[in-house]
Amino acid sequence: MSDPLADSFAFCRKFARRTAKNFYYSFLGLPADRFDAMCVLYSYMRICDDIGDDEQQPVELRRAGLTAWHSEVRRVLNEPSASEDELTEQPALDALATGRRVLPALAQMVATFQIPHEYLFEVLAGVRADLEADQHNDQQSVTDPQCCFATFDELAAYCYRVAGVVGQCCIHIWGFNDPRALDLAVDCGLAFQLTNILRDLAEDADNGRVYLPADELQRFDYSPQDIVRRTRDERFQQLMAFQVERAAGYYDRANELFDCLDPVGQPILAAMIRIYGGLLTEIQRRQFDVYSRRVSLPTWRKLLIAAAAMLRRRRIPPRPIPRRTSESNQ
């Protein structure tokens, strides 16, 4: 007879290998138990995104899908169901069906590494925020996208939900020995998310989303419509230089996280910073041209980074899984 828990972990490993791309290569530097945990964490995050980003489905159906997913996650984590989770019927979404295969491993991973449940629910709140933007976009032309955020503070709050809490989940899996790690993990997630925003500037605008703050676009006299038109001029160069410099500052903060991590987590952090920092460097090397083709690192380079992380891990003696206080799950 098959073991549902083992089947769930095996599914997450295959799912992460097929879809994680940049993240998956960095996972390879971890011991087996933490590698499995990262595949489960990635799978959960990907399911959240896939439900929210399925543009083949109307916004209302995606919203219902997120509600159903929220309810199922609460159930498997033994959390009381929220009133807004009550649905008369389950939405028929492929991502929701896929997510049910992740749930047994998710519950085991969260319990083993004592990941605060609120981190997982913050991610769902971030995806819901994107859906609100999508609903607005349904009422206007995709050639006239609007800024999702008025200021950087608003953008940073969004990035915390979709990336910062991911960093905090990661360090619970890797192990940390200094409470400063929690804030530094948020800065690390912000560095990665800002890199993604710059890389995907045109693609997001084509989908009606502009993540750069409205007040910063105004400061450089550059509009969302300029992004749609792929306008590369002096205004664009100045805007992108400003954005890249700020992202680089968050990478500097992320480097402070190394001293707060247990040794087993340091190689994967190094790999992730090299991969995502490499994307930022590539954006600079191209003189900020994120319009003509997608910025990416070649597979061979990511494999070399992963191999370096694996070699470094072999020199680190194994340590038991860190145990947190039960209060962290309250």
C-alpha atoms as a PDB file:
ATOM      1  CA  MET A   1       0.000   0.000   0.000  1.00  0.00           C
ATOM      2  CA  SER A   2       1.183   3.526  -0.758  1.00  0.00           C
ATOM      3  CA  ASP A   3       2.099   5.903   2.034  1.00  0.00           C
ATOM      4  CA  PRO A   4       0.185   9.216   1.567  1.00  0.00           C
ATOM      5  CA  LEU A   5       2.855  11.211   3.392  1.00  0.00           C
ATOM      6  CA  ALA A   6       5.732   9.702   1.395  1.00  0.00           C
ATOM      7  CA  ASP A   7       3.750  10.193  -1.810  1.00  0.00           C
ATOM      8  CA  SER A   8       3.190  13.852  -0.920  1.00  0.00           C
ATOM      9  CA  PHE A   9       6.904  14.481  -0.326  1.00  0.00           C
ATOM     10  CA  ALA A  10       7.780  12.683  -3.571  1.00  0.00           C
ATOM     11  CA  PHE A  11       5.260  14.821  -5.453  1.00  0.00           C
ATOM     12  CA  CYS A  12       6.741  18.036  -3.989  1.00  0.00           C
ATOM     13  CA  ARG A  13      10.260  17.003  -5.054  1.00  0.00           C
ATOM     14  CA  LYS A  14       9.112  16.382  -8.634  1.00  0.00           C
ATOM     15  CA  PHE A  15       6.964  19.516  -8.692  1.00  0.00           C
ATOM     16  CA  ALA A  16       9.815  21.711  -7.457  1.00  0.00           C
ATOM     17  CA  ARG A  17      12.269  20.188  -9.920  1.00  0.00           C
ATOM     18  CA  ARG A  18       9.880  20.872 -12.798  1.00  0.00           C
ATOM     19  CA  THR A  19       8.837  24.405 -11.874  1.00  0.00           C
ATOM     20  CA  ALA A  20      11.222  26.013  -9.351  1.00  0.00           C
ATOM     21  CA  LYS A  21      13.967  26.988 -11.828  1.00  0.00           C
ATOM     22  CA  ASN A  22      16.281  29.398  -9.948  1.00  0.00           C
ATOM     23  CA  PHE A  23      15.212  28.214  -6.512  1.00  0.00           C
ATOM     24  CA  TYR A  24      15.613  24.502  -7.210  1.00  0.00           C
ATOM     25  CA  TYR A  25      19.306  24.799  -8.035  1.00  0.00           C
ATOM     26  CA  SER A  26      19.949  26.434  -4.673  1.00  0.00           C
ATOM     27  CA  PHE A  27      18.082  23.647  -2.813  1.00  0.00           C
ATOM     28  CA  LEU A  28      20.681  21.122  -3.951  1.00  0.00           C
ATOM     29  CA  GLY A  29      23.169  22.348  -1.352  1.00  0.00           C
ATOM     30  CA  LEU A  30      20.999  21.184   1.571  1.00  0.00           C
ATOM     31  CA  PRO A  31      20.919  17.902   3.512  1.00  0.00           C
ATOM     32  CA  ALA A  32      18.107  15.572   2.466  1.00  0.00           C
ATOM     33  CA  ASP A  33      15.608  16.490   5.183  1.00  0.00           C
ATOM     34  CA  ARG A  34      15.961  20.213   4.604  1.00  0.00           C
ATOM     35  CA  PHE A  35      16.006  19.733   0.828  1.00  0.00           C
ATOM     36  CA  ASP A  36      12.631  18.000   1.102  1.00  0.00           C
ATOM     37  CA  ALA A  37      11.321  20.789   3.341  1.00  0.00           C
ATOM     38  CA  MET A  38      12.348  23.451   0.836  1.00  0.00           C
ATOM     39  CA  CYS A  39      10.632  21.542  -1.979  1.00  0.00           C
ATOM     40  CA  VAL A  40       7.449  21.448   0.118  1.00  0.00           C
ATOM     41  CA  LEU A  41       7.694  25.150   0.979  1.00  0.00           C
ATOM     42  CA  TYR A  42       8.254  26.051  -2.672  1.00  0.00           C
ATOM     43  CA  SER A  43       5.317  23.861  -3.731  1.00  0.00           C
ATOM     44  CA  TYR A  44       3.011  25.630  -1.283  1.00  0.00           C
ATOM     45  CA  MET A  45       4.096  29.072  -2.512  1.00  0.00           C
ATOM     46  CA  ARG A  46       3.738  28.005  -6.144  1.00  0.00           C
ATOM     47  CA  ILE A  47       0.214  26.687  -5.582  1.00  0.00           C
ATOM     48  CA  CYS A  48      -0.780  30.029  -4.036  1.00  0.00           C
ATOM     49  CA  ASP A  49       0.603  31.861  -7.072  1.00  0.00           C
ATOM     50  CA  ASP A  50      -0.922  29.454  -9.586  1.00  0.00           C
ATOM     51  CA  ILE A  51      -4.401  29.850  -8.120  1.00  0.00           C
ATOM     52  CA  GLY A  52      -4.119  33.633  -8.109  1.00  0.00           C
ATOM     53  CA  ASP A  53      -2.383  34.003 -11.483  1.00  0.00           C
ATOM     54  CA  ASP A  54      -4.518  31.681 -13.627  1.00  0.00           C
ATOM     55  CA  GLU A  55      -5.546  34.282 -16.190  1.00  0.00           C
ATOM     56  CA  GLN A  56      -7.651  31.710 -18.041  1.00  0.00           C
ATOM     57  CA  GLN A  57     -10.101  31.960 -15.145  1.00  0.00           C
ATOM     58  CA  PRO A  58     -12.208  34.954 -14.079  1.00  0.00           C
ATOM     59  CA  VAL A  59     -11.103  36.864 -10.998  1.00  0.00           C
ATOM     60  CA  GLU A  60     -14.118  35.718  -8.975  1.00  0.00           C
ATOM     61  CA  LEU A  61     -13.296  32.055  -9.565  1.00  0.00           C
ATOM     62  CA  ARG A  62      -9.656  32.624  -8.601  1.00  0.00           C
ATOM     63  CA  ARG A  63     -10.776  34.428  -5.449  1.00  0.00           C
ATOM     64  CA  ALA A  64     -12.993  31.457  -4.578  1.00  0.00           C
ATOM     65  CA  GLY A  65     -10.039  29.170  -5.240  1.00  0.00           C
ATOM     66  CA  LEU A  66      -7.860  31.105  -2.805  1.00  0.00           C
ATOM     67  CA  THR A  67     -10.637  30.959  -0.220  1.00  0.00           C
ATOM     68  CA  ALA A  68     -10.916  27.187  -0.619  1.00  0.00           C
ATOM     69  CA  TRP A  69      -7.123  26.781  -0.455  1.00  0.00           C
ATOM     70  CA  HIS A  70      -6.973  28.950   2.677  1.00  0.00           C
ATOM     71  CA  SER A  71      -9.616  26.732   4.277  1.00  0.00           C
ATOM     72  CA  GLU A  72      -7.813  23.495   3.385  1.00  0.00           C
ATOM     73  CA  VAL A  73      -4.476  24.783   4.680  1.00  0.00           C
ATOM     74  CA  ARG A  74      -6.089  25.854   7.965  1.00  0.00           C
ATOM     75  CA  ARG A  75      -7.694  22.435   8.274  1.00  0.00           C
ATOM     76  CA  VAL A  76      -4.492  20.473   7.714  1.00  0.00           C
ATOM     77  CA  LEU A  77      -2.663  22.715  10.218  1.00  0.00           C
ATOM     78  CA  ASN A  78      -5.466  22.195  12.762  1.00  0.00           C
ATOM     79  CA  GLU A  79      -6.360  25.867  12.729  1.00  0.00           C
ATOM     80  CA  PRO A  80      -9.998  26.917  13.231  1.00  0.00           C
ATOM     81  CA  SER A  81     -11.636  27.831   9.940  1.00  0.00           C
ATOM     82  CA  ALA A  82     -12.277  31.515   9.303  1.00  0.00           C
ATOM     83  CA  SER A  83     -15.826  32.630   8.516  1.00  0.00           C
ATOM     84  CA  GLU A  84     -14.802  33.925   5.070  1.00  0.00           C
ATOM     85  CA  ASP A  85     -13.579  30.413   4.186  1.00  0.00           C
ATOM     86  CA  GLU A  86     -17.090  28.971   4.046  1.00  0.00           C
ATOM     87  CA  LEU A  87     -18.045  28.056   0.469  1.00  0.00           C
ATOM     88  CA  THR A  88     -21.160  26.326  -0.800  1.00  0.00           C
ATOM     89  CA  GLU A  89     -19.148  24.458  -3.459  1.00  0.00           C
ATOM     90  CA  GLN A  90     -15.497  23.911  -4.249  1.00  0.00           C
ATOM     91  CA  PRO A  91     -14.167  25.747  -7.345  1.00  0.00           C
ATOM     92  CA  ALA A  92     -12.839  23.477 -10.081  1.00  0.00           C
ATOM     93  CA  LEU A  93      -9.264  24.706 -10.496  1.00  0.00           C
ATOM     94  CA  ASP A  94      -6.323  22.527 -11.542  1.00  0.00           C
ATOM     95  CA  ALA A  95      -3.980  24.320  -9.113  1.00  0.00           C
ATOM     96  CA  LEU A  96      -6.325  23.611  -6.212  1.00  0.00           C
ATOM     97  CA  ALA A  97      -6.384  19.915  -7.084  1.00  0.00           C
ATOM     98  CA  THR A  98      -2.585  19.928  -7.309  1.00  0.00           C
ATOM     99  CA  GLY A  99      -2.384  21.666  -3.943  1.00  0.00           C
ATOM    100  CA  ARG A 100      -4.217  18.836  -2.202  1.00  0.00           C
ATOM    101  CA  ARG A 101      -1.286  16.561  -3.066  1.00  0.00           C
ATOM    102  CA  VAL A 102       1.023  18.969  -1.214  1.00  0.00           C
ATOM    103  CA  LEU A 103      -0.998  19.222   2.010  1.00  0.00           C
ATOM    104  CA  PRO A 104       0.209  16.092   3.893  1.00  0.00           C
ATOM    105  CA  ALA A 105       3.863  17.042   3.387  1.00  0.00           C
ATOM    106  CA  LEU A 106       3.105  20.672   4.236  1.00  0.00           C
ATOM    107  CA  ALA A 107       1.599  19.742   7.602  1.00  0.00           C
ATOM    108  CA  GLN A 108       4.571  17.508   8.433  1.00  0.00           C
ATOM    109  CA  MET A 109       7.126  20.116   7.354  1.00  0.00           C
ATOM    110  CA  VAL A 110       5.487  22.928   9.341  1.00  0.00           C
ATOM    111  CA  ALA A 111       5.378  20.761  12.488  1.00  0.00           C
ATOM    112  CA  THR A 112       8.956  19.500  12.105  1.00  0.00           C
ATOM    113  CA  PHE A 113      10.514  22.925  11.642  1.00  0.00           C
ATOM    114  CA  GLN A 114       7.965  24.790  13.764  1.00  0.00           C
ATOM    115  CA  ILE A 115       7.174  27.363  11.131  1.00  0.00           C
ATOM    116  CA  PRO A 116       4.693  29.972  12.415  1.00  0.00           C
ATOM    117  CA  HIS A 117       1.395  29.418  10.667  1.00  0.00           C
ATOM    118  CA  GLU A 118       0.818  33.130  10.120  1.00  0.00           C
ATOM    119  CA  TYR A 119       3.687  33.188   7.611  1.00  0.00           C
ATOM    120  CA  LEU A 120       1.745  30.880   5.304  1.00  0.00           C
ATOM    121  CA  PHE A 121      -1.409  32.953   5.590  1.00  0.00           C
ATOM    122  CA  GLU A 122       0.479  36.198   4.877  1.00  0.00           C
ATOM    123  CA  VAL A 123       1.443  34.753   1.502  1.00  0.00           C
ATOM    124  CA  LEU A 124      -2.219  34.193   0.697  1.00  0.00           C
ATOM    125  CA  ALA A 125      -2.973  37.783   1.697  1.00  0.00           C
ATOM    126  CA  GLY A 126      -0.328  38.976  -0.769  1.00  0.00           C
ATOM    127  CA  VAL A 127      -1.837  36.925  -3.593  1.00  0.00           C
ATOM    128  CA  ARG A 128      -5.272  38.315  -2.739  1.00  0.00           C
ATOM    129  CA  ALA A 129      -3.848  41.830  -3.104  1.00  0.00           C
ATOM    130  CA  ASP A 130      -2.756  40.975  -6.648  1.00  0.00           C
ATOM    131  CA  LEU A 131      -6.254  39.707  -7.383  1.00  0.00           C
ATOM    132  CA  GLU A 132      -7.732  43.030  -6.323  1.00  0.00           C
ATOM    133  CA  ALA A 133      -5.449  44.701  -8.860  1.00  0.00           C
ATOM    134  CA  ASP A 134      -6.545  42.190 -11.497  1.00  0.00           C
ATOM    135  CA  GLN A 135     -10.193  42.950 -10.849  1.00  0.00           C
ATOM    136  CA  HIS A 136      -9.470  46.630 -11.374  1.00  0.00           C
ATOM    137  CA  ASN A 137      -7.625  45.819 -14.583  1.00  0.00           C
ATOM    138  CA  ASP A 138     -10.639  43.896 -15.896  1.00  0.00           C
ATOM    139  CA  GLN A 139     -12.429  47.244 -16.007  1.00  0.00           C
ATOM    140  CA  GLN A 140      -9.824  49.069 -18.078  1.00  0.00           C
ATOM    141  CA  SER A 141      -7.651  48.608 -21.129  1.00  0.00           C
ATOM    142  CA  VAL A 142      -4.491  46.549 -20.641  1.00  0.00           C
ATOM    143  CA  THR A 143      -2.703  49.286 -22.591  1.00  0.00           C
ATOM    144  CA  ASP A 144      -3.396  51.650 -19.693  1.00  0.00           C
ATOM    145  CA  PRO A 145      -1.942  49.873 -16.615  1.00  0.00           C
ATOM    146  CA  GLN A 146      -1.952  51.596 -13.258  1.00  0.00           C
ATOM    147  CA  CYS A 147       0.579  51.523 -10.427  1.00  0.00           C
ATOM    148  CA  CYS A 148      -0.294  49.023  -7.725  1.00  0.00           C
ATOM    149  CA  PHE A 149       1.420  51.094  -5.015  1.00  0.00           C
ATOM    150  CA  ALA A 150       1.631  54.798  -4.317  1.00  0.00           C
ATOM    151  CA  THR A 151       4.883  54.667  -2.329  1.00  0.00           C
ATOM    152  CA  PHE A 152       7.786  52.356  -1.609  1.00  0.00           C
ATOM    153  CA  ASP A 153       6.429  51.711   1.894  1.00  0.00           C
ATOM    154  CA  GLU A 154       3.317  50.210   0.300  1.00  0.00           C
ATOM    155  CA  LEU A 155       5.457  48.132  -2.062  1.00  0.00           C
ATOM    156  CA  ALA A 156       7.639  46.938   0.838  1.00  0.00           C
ATOM    157  CA  ALA A 157       4.528  45.830   2.762  1.00  0.00           C
ATOM    158  CA  TYR A 158       3.425  43.802  -0.261  1.00  0.00           C
ATOM    159  CA  CYS A 159       6.920  42.330  -0.685  1.00  0.00           C
ATOM    160  CA  TYR A 160       6.873  41.235   2.952  1.00  0.00           C
ATOM    161  CA  ARG A 161       3.778  39.159   2.267  1.00  0.00           C
ATOM    162  CA  VAL A 162       5.012  37.489  -0.914  1.00  0.00           C
ATOM    163  CA  ALA A 163       8.769  37.300  -0.242  1.00  0.00           C
ATOM    164  CA  GLY A 164       9.754  38.421   3.266  1.00  0.00           C
ATOM    165  CA  VAL A 165       7.737  35.728   5.019  1.00  0.00           C
ATOM    166  CA  VAL A 166       9.187  33.213   2.561  1.00  0.00           C
ATOM    167  CA  GLY A 167      12.632  34.191   3.829  1.00  0.00           C
ATOM    168  CA  GLN A 168      11.456  33.755   7.416  1.00  0.00           C
ATOM    169  CA  CYS A 169      10.092  30.296   6.586  1.00  0.00           C
ATOM    170  CA  CYS A 170      13.422  29.410   4.978  1.00  0.00           C
ATOM    171  CA  ILE A 171      15.536  30.300   7.991  1.00  0.00           C
ATOM    172  CA  HIS A 172      13.321  28.144  10.211  1.00  0.00           C
ATOM    173  CA  ILE A 173      14.208  25.263   7.902  1.00  0.00           C
ATOM    174  CA  TRP A 174      17.897  26.134   7.684  1.00  0.00           C
ATOM    175  CA  GLY A 175      18.301  26.989  11.377  1.00  0.00           C
ATOM    176  CA  PHE A 176      19.300  30.315  12.924  1.00  0.00           C
ATOM    177  CA  ASN A 177      20.959  31.341  16.159  1.00  0.00           C
ATOM    178  CA  ASP A 178      20.256  35.083  16.390  1.00  0.00           C
ATOM    179  CA  PRO A 179      16.835  36.800  16.488  1.00  0.00           C
ATOM    180  CA  ARG A 180      18.192  39.444  14.083  1.00  0.00           C
ATOM    181  CA  ALA A 181      17.864  36.773  11.424  1.00  0.00           C
ATOM    182  CA  LEU A 182      14.105  37.314  11.221  1.00  0.00           C
ATOM    183  CA  ASP A 183      14.423  40.939  10.068  1.00  0.00           C
ATOM    184  CA  LEU A 184      17.415  40.195   7.846  1.00  0.00           C
ATOM    185  CA  ALA A 185      15.476  37.386   6.151  1.00  0.00           C
ATOM    186  CA  VAL A 186      12.796  39.945   5.283  1.00  0.00           C
ATOM    187  CA  ASP A 187      15.462  42.211   3.750  1.00  0.00           C
ATOM    188  CA  CYS A 188      16.796  39.252   1.775  1.00  0.00           C
ATOM    189  CA  GLY A 189      13.334  38.454   0.455  1.00  0.00           C
ATOM    190  CA  LEU A 190      12.876  42.111  -0.468  1.00  0.00           C
ATOM    191  CA  ALA A 191      16.147  42.073  -2.426  1.00  0.00           C
ATOM    192  CA  PHE A 192      14.974  39.044  -4.424  1.00  0.00           C
ATOM    193  CA  GLN A 193      11.498  40.464  -5.028  1.00  0.00           C
ATOM    194  CA  LEU A 194      12.825  43.829  -6.195  1.00  0.00           C
ATOM    195  CA  THR A 195      15.051  41.943  -8.635  1.00  0.00           C
ATOM    196  CA  ASN A 196      12.032  40.045  -9.963  1.00  0.00           C
ATOM    197  CA  ILE A 197      10.061  43.293 -10.333  1.00  0.00           C
ATOM    198  CA  LEU A 198      12.814  44.903 -12.407  1.00  0.00           C
ATOM    199  CA  ARG A 199      13.349  41.806 -14.539  1.00  0.00           C
ATOM    200  CA  ASP A 200       9.602  41.396 -15.234  1.00  0.00           C
ATOM    201  CA  LEU A 201       8.795  45.084 -15.665  1.00  0.00           C
ATOM    202  CA  ALA A 202       7.391  44.799 -19.201  1.00  0.00           C
ATOM    203  CA  GLU A 203       5.633  41.469 -18.714  1.00  0.00           C
ATOM    204  CA  ASP A 204       3.836  42.692 -15.592  1.00  0.00           C
ATOM    205  CA  ALA A 205       2.785  45.930 -17.298  1.00  0.00           C
ATOM    206  CA  ASP A 206       1.366  43.938 -20.202  1.00  0.00           C
ATOM    207  CA  ASN A 207      -0.753  42.117 -17.617  1.00  0.00           C
ATOM    208  CA  GLY A 208      -1.927  45.415 -16.144  1.00  0.00           C
ATOM    209  CA  ARG A 209       0.400  45.474 -13.126  1.00  0.00           C
ATOM    210  CA  VAL A 210       3.068  48.081 -12.426  1.00  0.00           C
ATOM    211  CA  TYR A 211       4.827  47.347  -9.154  1.00  0.00           C
ATOM    212  CA  LEU A 212       7.189  50.325  -9.114  1.00  0.00           C
ATOM    213  CA  PRO A 213       5.797  53.030  -6.796  1.00  0.00           C
ATOM    214  CA  ALA A 214       3.781  55.790  -8.471  1.00  0.00           C
ATOM    215  CA  ASP A 215       5.661  58.582  -6.709  1.00  0.00           C
ATOM    216  CA  GLU A 216       9.003  57.252  -7.997  1.00  0.00           C
ATOM    217  CA  LEU A 217       7.769  57.017 -11.563  1.00  0.00           C
ATOM    218  CA  GLN A 218       6.598  60.615 -11.246  1.00  0.00           C
ATOM    219  CA  ARG A 219       9.981  61.671  -9.842  1.00  0.00           C
ATOM    220  CA  PHE A 220      11.674  60.464 -13.026  1.00  0.00           C
ATOM    221  CA  ASP A 221       8.810  61.588 -15.307  1.00  0.00           C
ATOM    222  CA  TYR A 222       8.316  58.019 -16.530  1.00  0.00           C
ATOM    223  CA  SER A 223       4.812  56.563 -16.835  1.00  0.00           C
ATOM    224  CA  PRO A 224       3.234  53.085 -16.875  1.00  0.00           C
ATOM    225  CA  GLN A 225       2.414  53.741 -20.520  1.00  0.00           C
ATOM    226  CA  ASP A 226       6.132  54.270 -21.179  1.00  0.00           C
ATOM    227  CA  ILE A 227       6.705  50.744 -19.865  1.00  0.00           C
ATOM    228  CA  VAL A 228       4.048  49.340 -22.218  1.00  0.00           C
ATOM    229  CA  ARG A 229       5.719  51.210 -25.108  1.00  0.00           C
ATOM    230  CA  ARG A 230       9.159  49.881 -24.037  1.00  0.00           C
ATOM    231  CA  THR A 231      10.551  53.402 -23.924  1.00  0.00           C
ATOM    232  CA  ARG A 232      14.293  53.360 -23.205  1.00  0.00           C
ATOM    233  CA  ASP A 233      15.561  56.891 -22.800  1.00  0.00           C
ATOM    234  CA  GLU A 234      17.430  58.964 -20.234  1.00  0.00           C
ATOM    235  CA  ARG A 235      14.418  58.973 -17.916  1.00  0.00           C
ATOM    236  CA  PHE A 236      14.332  55.180 -17.982  1.00  0.00           C
ATOM    237  CA  GLN A 237      18.067  54.910 -17.362  1.00  0.00           C
ATOM    238  CA  GLN A 238      17.848  57.159 -14.306  1.00  0.00           C
ATOM    239  CA  LEU A 239      14.797  55.345 -12.938  1.00  0.00           C
ATOM    240  CA  MET A 240      16.415  51.932 -13.328  1.00  0.00           C
ATOM    241  CA  ALA A 241      19.741  53.084 -11.869  1.00  0.00           C
ATOM    242  CA  PHE A 242      17.868  54.281  -8.781  1.00  0.00           C
ATOM    243  CA  GLN A 243      15.950  51.001  -8.463  1.00  0.00           C
ATOM    244  CA  VAL A 244      19.032  48.824  -8.938  1.00  0.00           C
ATOM    245  CA  GLU A 245      21.021  50.800  -6.383  1.00  0.00           C
ATOM    246  CA  ARG A 246      18.281  50.344  -3.790  1.00  0.00           C
ATOM    247  CA  ALA A 247      18.015  46.613  -4.492  1.00  0.00           C
ATOM    248  CA  ALA A 248      21.799  46.319  -4.124  1.00  0.00           C
ATOM    249  CA  GLY A 249      21.493  47.893  -0.685  1.00  0.00           C
ATOM    250  CA  TYR A 250      19.107  45.146   0.373  1.00  0.00           C
ATOM    251  CA  TYR A 251      21.562  42.536  -0.890  1.00  0.00           C
ATOM    252  CA  ASP A 252      24.149  44.144   1.393  1.00  0.00           C
ATOM    253  CA  ARG A 253      21.721  43.662   4.284  1.00  0.00           C
ATOM    254  CA  ALA A 254      21.087  40.085   3.193  1.00  0.00           C
ATOM    255  CA  ASN A 255      24.812  39.361   3.489  1.00  0.00           C
ATOM    256  CA  GLU A 256      24.557  40.141   7.210  1.00  0.00           C
ATOM    257  CA  LEU A 257      22.271  37.127   7.536  1.00  0.00           C
ATOM    258  CA  PHE A 258      25.155  34.659   7.149  1.00  0.00           C
ATOM    259  CA  ASP A 259      26.424  35.252  10.678  1.00  0.00           C
ATOM    260  CA  CYS A 260      22.958  34.548  12.094  1.00  0.00           C
ATOM    261  CA  LEU A 261      22.439  31.189  10.387  1.00  0.00           C
ATOM    262  CA  ASP A 262      23.419  27.719  11.470  1.00  0.00           C
ATOM    263  CA  PRO A 263      26.275  26.506   9.244  1.00  0.00           C
ATOM    264  CA  VAL A 264      24.076  24.150   7.245  1.00  0.00           C
ATOM    265  CA  GLY A 265      22.005  27.076   5.972  1.00  0.00           C
ATOM    266  CA  GLN A 266      24.880  29.242   4.835  1.00  0.00           C
ATOM    267  CA  PRO A 267      25.640  27.468   1.516  1.00  0.00           C
ATOM    268  CA  ILE A 268      22.037  27.706   0.285  1.00  0.00           C
ATOM    269  CA  LEU A 269      21.852  31.391   1.211  1.00  0.00           C
ATOM    270  CA  ALA A 270      25.088  31.956  -0.698  1.00  0.00           C
ATOM    271  CA  ALA A 271      23.676  30.116  -3.716  1.00  0.00           C
ATOM    272  CA  MET A 272      20.424  32.073  -3.694  1.00  0.00           C
ATOM    273  CA  ILE A 273      22.202  35.422  -3.364  1.00  0.00           C
ATOM    274  CA  ARG A 274      24.582  34.512  -6.182  1.00  0.00           C
ATOM    275  CA  ILE A 275      21.696  33.502  -8.455  1.00  0.00           C
ATOM    276  CA  TYR A 276      19.398  36.442  -7.755  1.00  0.00           C
ATOM    277  CA  GLY A 277      22.249  38.902  -7.320  1.00  0.00           C
ATOM    278  CA  GLY A 278      23.535  37.582 -10.632  1.00  0.00           C
ATOM    279  CA  LEU A 279      20.254  38.601 -12.256  1.00  0.00           C
ATOM    280  CA  LEU A 280      20.623  42.118 -10.868  1.00  0.00           C
ATOM    281  CA  THR A 281      24.202  42.273 -12.132  1.00  0.00           C
ATOM    282  CA  GLU A 282      23.027  41.090 -15.550  1.00  0.00           C
ATOM    283  CA  ILE A 283      20.413  43.858 -15.633  1.00  0.00           C
ATOM    284  CA  GLN A 284      23.210  46.367 -14.992  1.00  0.00           C
ATOM    285  CA  ARG A 285      25.462  44.741 -17.589  1.00  0.00           C
ATOM    286  CA  ARG A 286      22.725  45.134 -20.198  1.00  0.00           C
ATOM    287  CA  GLN A 287      22.467  48.819 -19.300  1.00  0.00           C
ATOM    288  CA  PHE A 288      19.035  48.143 -17.785  1.00  0.00           C
ATOM    289  CA  ASP A 289      17.565  46.668 -20.973  1.00  0.00           C
ATOM    290  CA  VAL A 290      14.843  44.441 -19.535  1.00  0.00           C
ATOM    291  CA  TYR A 291      12.637  44.990 -22.580  1.00  0.00           C
ATOM    292  CA  SER A 292      14.289  43.289 -25.547  1.00  0.00           C
ATOM    293  CA  ARG A 293      14.605  39.833 -23.944  1.00  0.00           C
ATOM    294  CA  ARG A 294      14.125  38.223 -20.540  1.00  0.00           C
ATOM    295  CA  VAL A 295      17.068  38.515 -18.170  1.00  0.00           C
ATOM    296  CA  SER A 296      18.251  35.116 -16.960  1.00  0.00           C
ATOM    297  CA  LEU A 297      21.354  33.169 -16.022  1.00  0.00           C
ATOM    298  CA  PRO A 298      22.429  30.217 -18.169  1.00  0.00           C
ATOM    299  CA  THR A 299      21.703  26.780 -16.729  1.00  0.00           C
ATOM    300  CA  TRP A 300      25.388  25.868 -16.616  1.00  0.00           C
ATOM    301  CA  ARG A 301      26.093  28.832 -14.366  1.00  0.00           C
ATOM    302  CA  LYS A 302      23.281  27.933 -11.968  1.00  0.00           C
ATOM    303  CA  LEU A 303      24.548  24.347 -11.865  1.00  0.00           C
ATOM    304  CA  LEU A 304      28.025  25.570 -10.959  1.00  0.00           C
ATOM    305  CA  ILE A 305      26.568  27.673  -8.155  1.00  0.00           C
ATOM    306  CA  ALA A 306      24.592  24.665  -6.903  1.00  0.00           C
ATOM    307  CA  ALA A 307      27.677  22.430  -7.112  1.00  0.00           C
ATOM    308  CA  ALA A 308      29.682  24.918  -5.053  1.00  0.00           C
ATOM    309  CA  ALA A 309      26.939  24.922  -2.418  1.00  0.00           C
ATOM    310  CA  MET A 310      26.914  21.107  -2.312  1.00  0.00           C
ATOM    311  CA  LEU A 311      30.695  20.922  -1.910  1.00  0.00           C
ATOM    312  CA  ARG A 312      30.577  23.474   0.879  1.00  0.00           C
ATOM    313  CA  ARG A 313      27.797  21.552   2.639  1.00  0.00           C
ATOM    314  CA  ARG A 314      29.856  18.351   2.650  1.00  0.00           C
ATOM    315  CA  ARG A 315      32.450  20.125   4.776  1.00  0.00           C
ATOM    316  CA  ILE A 316      29.825  21.026   7.398  1.00  0.00           C
ATOM    317  CA  PRO A 317      29.093  18.405  10.104  1.00  0.00           C
ATOM    318  CA  PRO A 318      25.405  17.467  10.328  1.00  0.00           C
ATOM    319  CA  ARG A 319      23.367  19.050  13.114  1.00  0.00           C
ATOM    320  CA  PRO A 320      19.968  18.107  14.512  1.00  0.00           C
ATOM    321  CA  ILE A 321      16.883  19.980  13.375  1.00  0.00           C
ATOM    322  CA  PRO A 322      16.589  23.139  15.514  1.00  0.00           C
ATOM    323  CA  ARG A 323      13.603  23.187  17.804  1.00  0.00           C
ATOM    324  CA  ARG A 324      11.693  26.397  18.427  1.00  0.00           C
ATOM    325  CA  THR A 325       9.382  27.112  21.290  1.00  0.00           C
ATOM    326  CA  SER A 326       5.763  26.122  20.813  1.00  0.00           C
ATOM    327  CA  GLU A 327       4.841  29.789  21.204  1.00  0.00           C
ATOM    328  CA  SER A 328       6.058  30.434  17.631  1.00  0.00           C
ATOM    329  CA  ASN A 329       3.016  28.618  16.249  1.00  0.00           C
ATOM    330  CA  GLN A 330       0.507  30.606  18.224  1.00  0.00           C
END
